[in-house]
């Protein structure tokens, strides 16, 4: 089996002109996260409670060296009898991606919140008390869930998954560096 795999790898490298890396574009990562990330949080009840749902995510690769930026557009509803609040919260995180070869997944570490905006703008003071809790939910989710997984059921990506040793961030793409 090992000999067959090595032979396939050699043939693949010859056919692809000695390829030593493969890239995942920021659009591919954005599409993956928008299809796979389903984050919805409900705490409390309809009288006193909080609901958060991430609706859309955008990924930017390589604006800063070895950094991925993720912007999350979330809908927030704060239920209370005095002043119910509904808003859109836009948060931007920057992080260092890393590759887990055992799960063929890309994860984030050293997540930092770099921007928070809300719509409508005048609602920011009202949202301020719940913003840290929302940030903890988003941060925990982004640090524990993969932001991209190579599909090992697809033969090309399965081979890439086995060959990938590490990743590098470049402007607009994430390079998979082979062994």
N, C-alpha and C. Protein backbone atom coordinates (compact mmCIF):
# COMPACT_ATOMS: atom_id res chain seq x y z
N UNK A 1 0.83 -1.19 0.00
CA UNK A 1 0.00 0.00 0.00
C UNK A 1 0.87 1.25 0.00
N UNK A 2 1.94 1.23 0.82
CA UNK A 2 2.85 2.37 0.89
C UNK A 2 3.56 2.59 -0.45
N UNK A 3 3.93 1.49 -1.10
CA UNK A 3 4.61 1.59 -2.39
C UNK A 3 3.65 2.16 -3.44
N UNK A 4 2.39 1.73 -3.41
CA UNK A 4 1.39 2.24 -4.34
C UNK A 4 1.17 3.74 -4.13
N UNK A 5 1.08 4.15 -2.90
CA UNK A 5 0.88 5.57 -2.58
C UNK A 5 2.07 6.40 -3.05
N UNK A 6 3.28 5.90 -2.81
CA UNK A 6 4.48 6.61 -3.24
C UNK A 6 4.55 6.71 -4.76
N UNK A 7 4.16 5.63 -5.45
CA UNK A 7 4.13 5.63 -6.90
C UNK A 7 3.11 6.65 -7.42
N UNK A 8 1.92 6.66 -6.82
CA UNK A 8 0.90 7.63 -7.22
C UNK A 8 1.38 9.06 -7.00
N UNK A 9 2.03 9.29 -5.89
CA UNK A 9 2.56 10.61 -5.60
C UNK A 9 3.61 11.02 -6.63
N UNK A 10 4.50 10.10 -6.99
CA UNK A 10 5.53 10.39 -7.98
C UNK A 10 4.92 10.72 -9.33
N UNK A 11 3.95 9.94 -9.75
CA UNK A 11 3.27 10.18 -11.03
C UNK A 11 2.56 11.52 -11.00
N UNK A 12 1.87 11.81 -9.89
CA UNK A 12 1.16 13.08 -9.76
C UNK A 12 2.14 14.25 -9.87
N UNK A 13 3.29 14.15 -9.20
CA UNK A 13 4.27 15.22 -9.25
C UNK A 13 4.84 15.40 -10.66
N UNK A 14 5.08 14.30 -11.37
CA UNK A 14 5.56 14.40 -12.75
C UNK A 14 4.51 15.05 -13.65
N UNK A 15 3.27 14.64 -13.51
CA UNK A 15 2.20 15.17 -14.36
C UNK A 15 1.90 16.63 -14.07
N UNK A 16 2.12 17.06 -12.88
CA UNK A 16 1.79 18.45 -12.52
C UNK A 16 3.01 19.35 -12.56
N UNK A 17 4.10 18.87 -13.10
CA UNK A 17 5.28 19.72 -13.23
C UNK A 17 5.98 19.97 -11.91
N UNK A 18 6.11 18.95 -11.11
CA UNK A 18 6.80 19.05 -9.82
C UNK A 18 6.14 20.07 -8.89
N UNK A 19 4.89 19.96 -8.74
CA UNK A 19 4.14 20.83 -7.85
C UNK A 19 4.59 20.57 -6.42
N UNK A 20 4.82 21.65 -5.67
CA UNK A 20 5.20 21.49 -4.28
C UNK A 20 4.20 22.16 -3.35
N UNK A 21 3.18 22.75 -3.94
CA UNK A 21 2.15 23.38 -3.12
C UNK A 21 0.84 23.46 -3.89
N UNK A 22 -0.22 23.68 -3.14
CA UNK A 22 -1.56 23.85 -3.68
C UNK A 22 -2.17 24.99 -2.89
N UNK A 23 -3.05 25.78 -3.52
CA UNK A 23 -3.61 26.93 -2.82
C UNK A 23 -5.12 26.83 -2.68
N UNK A 24 -5.60 27.36 -1.57
CA UNK A 24 -7.03 27.53 -1.33
C UNK A 24 -7.26 29.03 -1.35
N UNK A 25 -8.17 29.50 -2.19
CA UNK A 25 -8.41 30.93 -2.30
C UNK A 25 -9.26 31.43 -1.14
N UNK A 26 -9.22 32.74 -0.93
CA UNK A 26 -10.06 33.30 0.14
C UNK A 26 -11.53 33.15 -0.20
N UNK A 27 -11.88 33.12 -1.50
CA UNK A 27 -13.28 32.91 -1.87
C UNK A 27 -13.72 31.48 -1.53
N UNK A 28 -12.83 30.50 -1.75
CA UNK A 28 -13.15 29.12 -1.37
C UNK A 28 -13.36 29.00 0.14
N UNK A 29 -12.52 29.69 0.91
CA UNK A 29 -12.68 29.66 2.37
C UNK A 29 -13.96 30.36 2.80
N UNK A 30 -14.26 31.50 2.17
CA UNK A 30 -15.51 32.22 2.48
C UNK A 30 -16.70 31.33 2.18
N UNK A 31 -16.71 30.70 1.01
CA UNK A 31 -17.82 29.80 0.65
C UNK A 31 -17.94 28.64 1.63
N UNK A 32 -16.80 28.05 1.99
CA UNK A 32 -16.82 26.93 2.94
C UNK A 32 -17.45 27.36 4.26
N UNK A 33 -16.98 28.48 4.82
CA UNK A 33 -17.52 28.93 6.10
C UNK A 33 -19.00 29.29 6.01
N UNK A 34 -19.40 29.93 4.94
CA UNK A 34 -20.82 30.29 4.82
C UNK A 34 -21.71 29.06 4.66
N UNK A 35 -21.18 27.99 4.08
CA UNK A 35 -21.95 26.75 3.94
C UNK A 35 -21.91 25.89 5.20
N UNK A 36 -20.80 25.90 5.92
CA UNK A 36 -20.60 24.99 7.04
C UNK A 36 -20.82 25.61 8.42
N UNK A 37 -20.67 26.93 8.53
CA UNK A 37 -20.76 27.57 9.85
C UNK A 37 -22.21 27.92 10.15
N UNK A 38 -22.75 27.26 11.13
CA UNK A 38 -24.13 27.51 11.55
C UNK A 38 -24.11 27.83 13.04
N UNK A 39 -23.90 29.09 13.34
CA UNK A 39 -23.80 29.51 14.73
C UNK A 39 -25.04 30.30 15.10
N UNK A 40 -25.80 29.72 15.99
CA UNK A 40 -27.00 30.38 16.52
C UNK A 40 -27.04 30.13 18.02
N UNK A 41 -27.18 31.21 18.78
CA UNK A 41 -27.15 31.13 20.24
C UNK A 41 -28.43 31.74 20.78
N UNK A 42 -29.04 31.03 21.71
CA UNK A 42 -30.21 31.56 22.40
C UNK A 42 -30.01 31.36 23.89
N UNK A 43 -30.11 32.46 24.63
CA UNK A 43 -30.01 32.38 26.08
C UNK A 43 -31.19 33.13 26.68
N UNK A 44 -31.63 32.66 27.81
CA UNK A 44 -32.77 33.30 28.47
C UNK A 44 -34.07 32.87 27.83
N UNK A 45 -35.06 33.77 27.86
CA UNK A 45 -36.37 33.47 27.28
C UNK A 45 -36.86 34.65 26.47
N UNK A 46 -38.11 34.61 26.05
CA UNK A 46 -38.66 35.68 25.21
C UNK A 46 -38.83 36.99 25.99
N UNK A 47 -38.90 36.92 27.30
CA UNK A 47 -39.06 38.13 28.12
C UNK A 47 -37.70 38.78 28.42
N UNK A 48 -36.75 37.97 28.87
CA UNK A 48 -35.39 38.43 29.13
C UNK A 48 -34.43 37.44 28.50
N UNK A 49 -33.84 37.83 27.40
CA UNK A 49 -32.95 36.89 26.74
C UNK A 49 -32.13 37.52 25.63
N UNK A 50 -31.31 36.70 25.03
CA UNK A 50 -30.41 37.10 23.97
C UNK A 50 -30.44 36.05 22.87
N UNK A 51 -30.54 36.51 21.63
CA UNK A 51 -30.43 35.63 20.46
C UNK A 51 -29.39 36.21 19.53
N UNK A 52 -28.48 35.35 19.08
CA UNK A 52 -27.43 35.74 18.14
C UNK A 52 -27.39 34.72 17.03
N UNK A 53 -27.34 35.20 15.79
CA UNK A 53 -27.22 34.29 14.64
C UNK A 53 -26.23 34.90 13.65
N UNK A 54 -25.20 34.15 13.31
CA UNK A 54 -24.24 34.60 12.31
C UNK A 54 -24.84 34.28 10.95
N UNK A 55 -25.00 35.33 10.14
CA UNK A 55 -25.62 35.17 8.83
C UNK A 55 -24.63 35.05 7.68
N UNK A 56 -23.52 35.75 7.79
CA UNK A 56 -22.57 35.78 6.67
C UNK A 56 -21.17 35.99 7.22
N UNK A 57 -20.22 35.38 6.54
CA UNK A 57 -18.82 35.50 6.92
C UNK A 57 -18.01 35.84 5.67
N UNK A 58 -17.05 36.73 5.82
CA UNK A 58 -16.12 37.07 4.74
C UNK A 58 -14.71 36.79 5.23
N UNK A 59 -13.87 36.25 4.35
CA UNK A 59 -12.49 35.91 4.69
C UNK A 59 -11.55 36.75 3.83
N UNK A 60 -10.51 37.29 4.46
CA UNK A 60 -9.44 37.98 3.75
C UNK A 60 -8.13 37.33 4.18
N UNK A 61 -7.36 36.89 3.20
CA UNK A 61 -6.09 36.21 3.48
C UNK A 61 -4.90 37.09 3.12
N UNK A 62 -3.97 37.23 4.05
CA UNK A 62 -2.70 37.85 3.75
C UNK A 62 -2.64 39.36 3.75
N UNK A 63 -3.63 40.06 4.27
CA UNK A 63 -3.48 41.51 4.40
C UNK A 63 -2.30 41.83 5.31
N UNK A 64 -2.12 41.01 6.33
CA UNK A 64 -0.96 41.07 7.21
C UNK A 64 -0.24 39.73 7.07
N UNK A 65 1.07 39.70 7.30
CA UNK A 65 1.81 38.44 7.14
C UNK A 65 1.24 37.31 8.00
N UNK A 66 1.05 36.16 7.36
CA UNK A 66 0.59 34.92 8.01
C UNK A 66 -0.70 35.11 8.82
N UNK A 67 -1.58 35.98 8.35
CA UNK A 67 -2.80 36.29 9.08
C UNK A 67 -4.03 36.10 8.20
N UNK A 68 -5.07 35.57 8.82
CA UNK A 68 -6.37 35.46 8.18
C UNK A 68 -7.31 36.40 8.93
N UNK A 69 -8.12 37.14 8.19
CA UNK A 69 -9.11 38.03 8.80
C UNK A 69 -10.50 37.50 8.46
N UNK A 70 -11.34 37.41 9.47
CA UNK A 70 -12.71 36.94 9.28
C UNK A 70 -13.66 38.02 9.78
N UNK A 71 -14.56 38.43 8.91
CA UNK A 71 -15.59 39.39 9.28
C UNK A 71 -16.90 38.63 9.37
N UNK A 72 -17.55 38.71 10.52
CA UNK A 72 -18.83 38.01 10.74
C UNK A 72 -19.94 39.05 10.85
N UNK A 73 -21.01 38.82 10.09
CA UNK A 73 -22.21 39.66 10.14
C UNK A 73 -23.25 38.87 10.93
N UNK A 74 -23.61 39.40 12.10
CA UNK A 74 -24.51 38.68 13.00
C UNK A 74 -25.76 39.50 13.29
N UNK A 75 -26.88 38.80 13.43
CA UNK A 75 -28.11 39.44 13.87
C UNK A 75 -28.23 39.20 15.37
N UNK A 76 -28.53 40.28 16.10
CA UNK A 76 -28.66 40.20 17.55
C UNK A 76 -30.03 40.71 17.96
N UNK A 77 -30.65 39.96 18.86
CA UNK A 77 -31.89 40.41 19.47
C UNK A 77 -31.74 40.28 20.98
N UNK A 78 -31.99 41.40 21.66
CA UNK A 78 -31.97 41.40 23.12
C UNK A 78 -33.42 41.59 23.56
N UNK A 79 -33.93 40.59 24.25
CA UNK A 79 -35.32 40.65 24.72
C UNK A 79 -35.33 41.22 26.14
N UNK A 80 -36.11 42.26 26.33
CA UNK A 80 -36.36 42.80 27.67
C UNK A 80 -37.64 43.61 27.61
N UNK A 81 -38.35 43.73 28.72
CA UNK A 81 -39.65 44.39 28.70
C UNK A 81 -39.57 45.91 28.51
N UNK A 82 -38.43 46.51 28.81
CA UNK A 82 -38.31 47.96 28.72
C UNK A 82 -37.97 48.42 27.31
N UNK A 83 -36.91 47.84 26.73
CA UNK A 83 -36.49 48.25 25.40
C UNK A 83 -35.88 47.07 24.65
N UNK A 84 -36.71 46.32 23.91
CA UNK A 84 -36.14 45.24 23.10
C UNK A 84 -35.23 45.83 22.02
N UNK A 85 -34.18 45.11 21.71
CA UNK A 85 -33.19 45.61 20.76
C UNK A 85 -33.00 44.58 19.65
N UNK A 86 -32.94 45.07 18.43
CA UNK A 86 -32.59 44.26 17.27
C UNK A 86 -31.53 45.03 16.49
N UNK A 87 -30.44 44.34 16.17
CA UNK A 87 -29.35 45.02 15.48
C UNK A 87 -28.54 44.02 14.66
N UNK A 88 -27.74 44.57 13.79
CA UNK A 88 -26.74 43.81 13.05
C UNK A 88 -25.39 44.17 13.67
N UNK A 89 -24.61 43.16 14.03
CA UNK A 89 -23.29 43.37 14.60
C UNK A 89 -22.27 42.84 13.60
N UNK A 90 -21.33 43.70 13.24
CA UNK A 90 -20.26 43.31 12.32
C UNK A 90 -18.98 43.28 13.12
N UNK A 91 -18.37 42.10 13.19
CA UNK A 91 -17.14 41.92 13.95
C UNK A 91 -16.05 41.40 13.03
N UNK A 92 -14.85 41.89 13.25
CA UNK A 92 -13.70 41.42 12.46
C UNK A 92 -12.66 40.86 13.41
N UNK A 93 -12.22 39.66 13.11
CA UNK A 93 -11.20 38.97 13.88
C UNK A 93 -9.98 38.75 12.99
N UNK A 94 -8.82 38.76 13.59
CA UNK A 94 -7.60 38.36 12.90
C UNK A 94 -7.00 37.20 13.69
N UNK A 95 -6.41 36.26 12.97
CA UNK A 95 -5.86 35.08 13.63
C UNK A 95 -4.77 34.46 12.78
N UNK A 96 -4.03 33.57 13.42
CA UNK A 96 -3.01 32.77 12.74
C UNK A 96 -3.62 31.41 12.43
N UNK A 97 -3.64 30.99 11.17
CA UNK A 97 -4.16 29.66 10.85
C UNK A 97 -3.10 28.59 11.07
N UNK A 98 -3.55 27.38 11.37
CA UNK A 98 -2.65 26.24 11.49
C UNK A 98 -3.34 25.00 10.93
N UNK A 99 -2.53 24.07 10.45
CA UNK A 99 -3.04 22.86 9.80
C UNK A 99 -2.91 21.67 10.74
N UNK A 100 -4.02 20.97 10.96
CA UNK A 100 -4.04 19.74 11.76
C UNK A 100 -4.02 18.57 10.78
N UNK A 101 -2.88 17.92 10.66
CA UNK A 101 -2.74 16.84 9.68
C UNK A 101 -3.59 15.62 10.01
N UNK A 102 -3.93 15.42 11.28
CA UNK A 102 -4.72 14.24 11.63
C UNK A 102 -6.18 14.38 11.18
N UNK A 103 -6.72 15.60 11.17
CA UNK A 103 -8.11 15.80 10.73
C UNK A 103 -8.19 16.47 9.37
N UNK A 104 -7.02 16.81 8.79
CA UNK A 104 -6.95 17.48 7.48
C UNK A 104 -7.73 18.78 7.49
N UNK A 105 -7.61 19.51 8.61
CA UNK A 105 -8.39 20.72 8.82
C UNK A 105 -7.50 21.91 9.13
N UNK A 106 -8.03 23.08 8.81
CA UNK A 106 -7.35 24.33 9.13
C UNK A 106 -8.11 24.99 10.27
N UNK A 107 -7.38 25.32 11.33
CA UNK A 107 -7.95 25.96 12.52
C UNK A 107 -7.30 27.33 12.72
N UNK A 108 -7.86 28.09 13.64
CA UNK A 108 -7.32 29.40 13.97
C UNK A 108 -6.78 29.42 15.40
N UNK A 109 -5.73 30.20 15.62
CA UNK A 109 -5.20 30.42 16.97
C UNK A 109 -4.84 31.90 17.09
N UNK A 110 -4.65 32.35 18.31
CA UNK A 110 -4.32 33.75 18.59
C UNK A 110 -5.36 34.70 17.99
N UNK A 111 -6.62 34.36 18.19
CA UNK A 111 -7.72 35.17 17.67
C UNK A 111 -7.78 36.51 18.39
N UNK A 112 -7.86 37.58 17.61
CA UNK A 112 -7.95 38.92 18.18
C UNK A 112 -9.10 39.67 17.51
N UNK A 113 -9.92 40.30 18.32
CA UNK A 113 -11.00 41.13 17.82
C UNK A 113 -10.40 42.47 17.40
N UNK A 114 -10.62 42.88 16.14
CA UNK A 114 -10.02 44.12 15.65
C UNK A 114 -11.05 45.20 15.32
N UNK A 115 -12.32 44.82 15.17
CA UNK A 115 -13.32 45.82 14.84
C UNK A 115 -14.70 45.33 15.24
N UNK A 116 -15.51 46.25 15.75
CA UNK A 116 -16.91 45.97 16.06
C UNK A 116 -17.73 47.17 15.59
N UNK A 117 -18.76 46.89 14.81
CA UNK A 117 -19.68 47.93 14.36
C UNK A 117 -21.09 47.40 14.53
N UNK A 118 -22.03 48.32 14.65
CA UNK A 118 -23.43 47.88 14.72
C UNK A 118 -24.29 48.75 13.81
N UNK A 119 -25.38 48.18 13.39
CA UNK A 119 -26.38 48.88 12.60
C UNK A 119 -27.72 48.61 13.26
N UNK A 120 -28.46 49.61 13.61
CA UNK A 120 -28.17 51.04 13.45
C UNK A 120 -27.06 51.49 14.39
N UNK A 121 -26.38 52.57 13.99
CA UNK A 121 -25.22 53.08 14.74
C UNK A 121 -25.58 53.52 16.15
N UNK A 122 -26.76 54.11 16.34
CA UNK A 122 -27.14 54.63 17.65
C UNK A 122 -27.45 53.53 18.67
N UNK A 123 -27.42 52.30 18.24
CA UNK A 123 -27.75 51.18 19.13
C UNK A 123 -26.50 50.68 19.88
N UNK A 124 -25.30 51.18 19.51
CA UNK A 124 -24.05 50.67 20.09
C UNK A 124 -24.03 50.76 21.61
N UNK A 125 -24.53 51.84 22.19
CA UNK A 125 -24.55 51.96 23.65
C UNK A 125 -25.45 50.90 24.28
N UNK A 126 -26.57 50.61 23.64
CA UNK A 126 -27.49 49.62 24.18
C UNK A 126 -26.93 48.20 24.06
N UNK A 127 -26.14 47.94 23.03
CA UNK A 127 -25.57 46.61 22.81
C UNK A 127 -24.30 46.39 23.63
N UNK A 128 -23.66 47.45 24.04
CA UNK A 128 -22.38 47.35 24.76
C UNK A 128 -22.38 46.34 25.90
N UNK A 129 -23.45 46.27 26.73
CA UNK A 129 -23.43 45.28 27.82
C UNK A 129 -23.41 43.82 27.35
N UNK A 130 -23.99 43.51 26.19
CA UNK A 130 -24.01 42.11 25.73
C UNK A 130 -22.88 41.81 24.75
N UNK A 131 -22.18 42.83 24.26
CA UNK A 131 -21.12 42.62 23.27
C UNK A 131 -20.02 41.68 23.75
N UNK A 132 -19.52 41.79 24.99
CA UNK A 132 -18.48 40.83 25.42
C UNK A 132 -18.94 39.37 25.38
N UNK A 133 -20.19 39.13 25.72
CA UNK A 133 -20.72 37.77 25.69
C UNK A 133 -20.79 37.26 24.25
N UNK A 134 -21.25 38.10 23.34
CA UNK A 134 -21.31 37.73 21.93
C UNK A 134 -19.91 37.45 21.40
N UNK A 135 -18.94 38.28 21.78
CA UNK A 135 -17.55 38.09 21.34
C UNK A 135 -16.98 36.77 21.86
N UNK A 136 -17.30 36.42 23.11
CA UNK A 136 -16.84 35.13 23.65
C UNK A 136 -17.41 33.97 22.85
N UNK A 137 -18.70 34.03 22.51
CA UNK A 137 -19.32 32.97 21.71
C UNK A 137 -18.61 32.83 20.36
N UNK A 138 -18.43 33.95 19.67
CA UNK A 138 -17.79 33.92 18.35
C UNK A 138 -16.34 33.46 18.44
N UNK A 139 -15.61 33.96 19.43
CA UNK A 139 -14.21 33.58 19.58
C UNK A 139 -14.09 32.09 19.88
N UNK A 140 -14.88 31.59 20.81
CA UNK A 140 -14.83 30.17 21.15
C UNK A 140 -15.17 29.31 19.93
N UNK A 141 -16.17 29.72 19.19
CA UNK A 141 -16.57 28.95 18.00
C UNK A 141 -15.43 28.94 16.97
N UNK A 142 -14.86 30.11 16.68
CA UNK A 142 -13.82 30.20 15.65
C UNK A 142 -12.52 29.51 16.07
N UNK A 143 -12.26 29.40 17.36
CA UNK A 143 -11.05 28.73 17.82
C UNK A 143 -11.20 27.21 17.92
N UNK A 144 -12.42 26.72 17.97
CA UNK A 144 -12.62 25.27 18.16
C UNK A 144 -13.16 24.56 16.92
N UNK A 145 -13.65 25.29 15.94
CA UNK A 145 -14.19 24.68 14.73
C UNK A 145 -13.24 24.94 13.56
N UNK A 146 -13.08 23.97 12.67
CA UNK A 146 -12.19 24.22 11.52
C UNK A 146 -12.78 25.29 10.60
N UNK A 147 -11.90 26.10 10.02
CA UNK A 147 -12.34 27.10 9.06
C UNK A 147 -12.27 26.56 7.64
N UNK A 148 -11.64 25.38 7.49
CA UNK A 148 -11.61 24.70 6.19
C UNK A 148 -11.18 23.26 6.44
N UNK A 149 -11.81 22.33 5.74
CA UNK A 149 -11.46 20.92 5.85
C UNK A 149 -11.28 20.37 4.45
N UNK A 150 -10.15 19.72 4.22
CA UNK A 150 -9.94 19.06 2.93
C UNK A 150 -10.87 17.85 2.85
N UNK A 151 -11.53 17.70 1.73
CA UNK A 151 -12.51 16.63 1.53
C UNK A 151 -11.78 15.35 1.14
N UNK A 152 -11.58 14.46 2.09
CA UNK A 152 -10.83 13.23 1.82
C UNK A 152 -11.64 12.19 1.04
N UNK A 153 -12.92 12.48 0.81
CA UNK A 153 -13.72 11.58 -0.03
C UNK A 153 -13.49 11.87 -1.51
N UNK A 154 -12.96 13.03 -1.80
CA UNK A 154 -12.61 13.41 -3.17
C UNK A 154 -11.15 13.02 -3.39
N UNK A 155 -10.86 12.25 -4.41
CA UNK A 155 -9.52 11.66 -4.57
C UNK A 155 -8.41 12.70 -4.63
N UNK A 156 -8.61 13.81 -5.35
CA UNK A 156 -7.56 14.83 -5.44
C UNK A 156 -7.27 15.43 -4.07
N UNK A 157 -8.31 15.81 -3.35
CA UNK A 157 -8.10 16.43 -2.04
C UNK A 157 -7.61 15.41 -1.02
N UNK A 158 -7.98 14.16 -1.16
CA UNK A 158 -7.48 13.13 -0.25
C UNK A 158 -5.96 13.01 -0.37
N UNK A 159 -5.46 13.04 -1.58
CA UNK A 159 -4.02 12.98 -1.80
C UNK A 159 -3.35 14.24 -1.26
N UNK A 160 -3.96 15.39 -1.51
CA UNK A 160 -3.43 16.65 -0.96
C UNK A 160 -3.39 16.61 0.56
N UNK A 161 -4.45 16.08 1.16
CA UNK A 161 -4.53 16.00 2.62
C UNK A 161 -3.38 15.17 3.18
N UNK A 162 -3.05 14.08 2.53
CA UNK A 162 -1.97 13.21 3.00
C UNK A 162 -0.61 13.86 2.80
N UNK A 163 -0.47 14.67 1.76
CA UNK A 163 0.83 15.25 1.43
C UNK A 163 1.11 16.55 2.18
N UNK A 164 0.08 17.22 2.67
CA UNK A 164 0.27 18.54 3.28
C UNK A 164 1.01 18.44 4.60
N UNK A 165 2.05 19.25 4.72
CA UNK A 165 2.86 19.29 5.93
C UNK A 165 2.54 20.53 6.76
N UNK A 166 2.34 21.67 6.08
CA UNK A 166 2.07 22.92 6.76
C UNK A 166 1.35 23.86 5.80
N UNK A 167 0.98 25.02 6.31
CA UNK A 167 0.32 26.02 5.48
C UNK A 167 1.03 27.35 5.61
N UNK A 168 0.88 28.18 4.57
CA UNK A 168 1.39 29.53 4.58
C UNK A 168 0.31 30.45 4.04
N UNK A 169 0.22 31.65 4.60
CA UNK A 169 -0.75 32.62 4.13
C UNK A 169 -0.06 33.56 3.16
N UNK A 170 -0.69 33.76 2.01
CA UNK A 170 -0.22 34.71 1.01
C UNK A 170 -1.41 35.61 0.68
N UNK A 171 -1.17 36.77 0.08
CA UNK A 171 -2.30 37.63 -0.28
C UNK A 171 -3.32 36.90 -1.15
N UNK A 172 -4.55 36.77 -0.63
CA UNK A 172 -5.65 36.16 -1.37
C UNK A 172 -5.72 34.64 -1.39
N UNK A 173 -4.73 33.98 -0.77
CA UNK A 173 -4.75 32.52 -0.80
C UNK A 173 -4.01 31.92 0.39
N UNK A 174 -4.32 30.68 0.63
CA UNK A 174 -3.69 29.89 1.68
C UNK A 174 -2.96 28.75 0.96
N UNK A 175 -1.65 28.70 1.11
CA UNK A 175 -0.83 27.69 0.42
C UNK A 175 -0.69 26.45 1.29
N UNK A 176 -0.98 25.30 0.71
CA UNK A 176 -0.72 24.02 1.37
C UNK A 176 0.68 23.60 0.92
N UNK A 177 1.59 23.47 1.85
CA UNK A 177 2.97 23.11 1.54
C UNK A 177 3.14 21.62 1.79
N UNK A 178 3.64 20.92 0.77
CA UNK A 178 3.76 19.46 0.83
C UNK A 178 5.05 19.01 1.48
N UNK A 179 5.02 17.73 1.88
CA UNK A 179 6.19 17.08 2.52
C UNK A 179 7.31 16.96 1.53
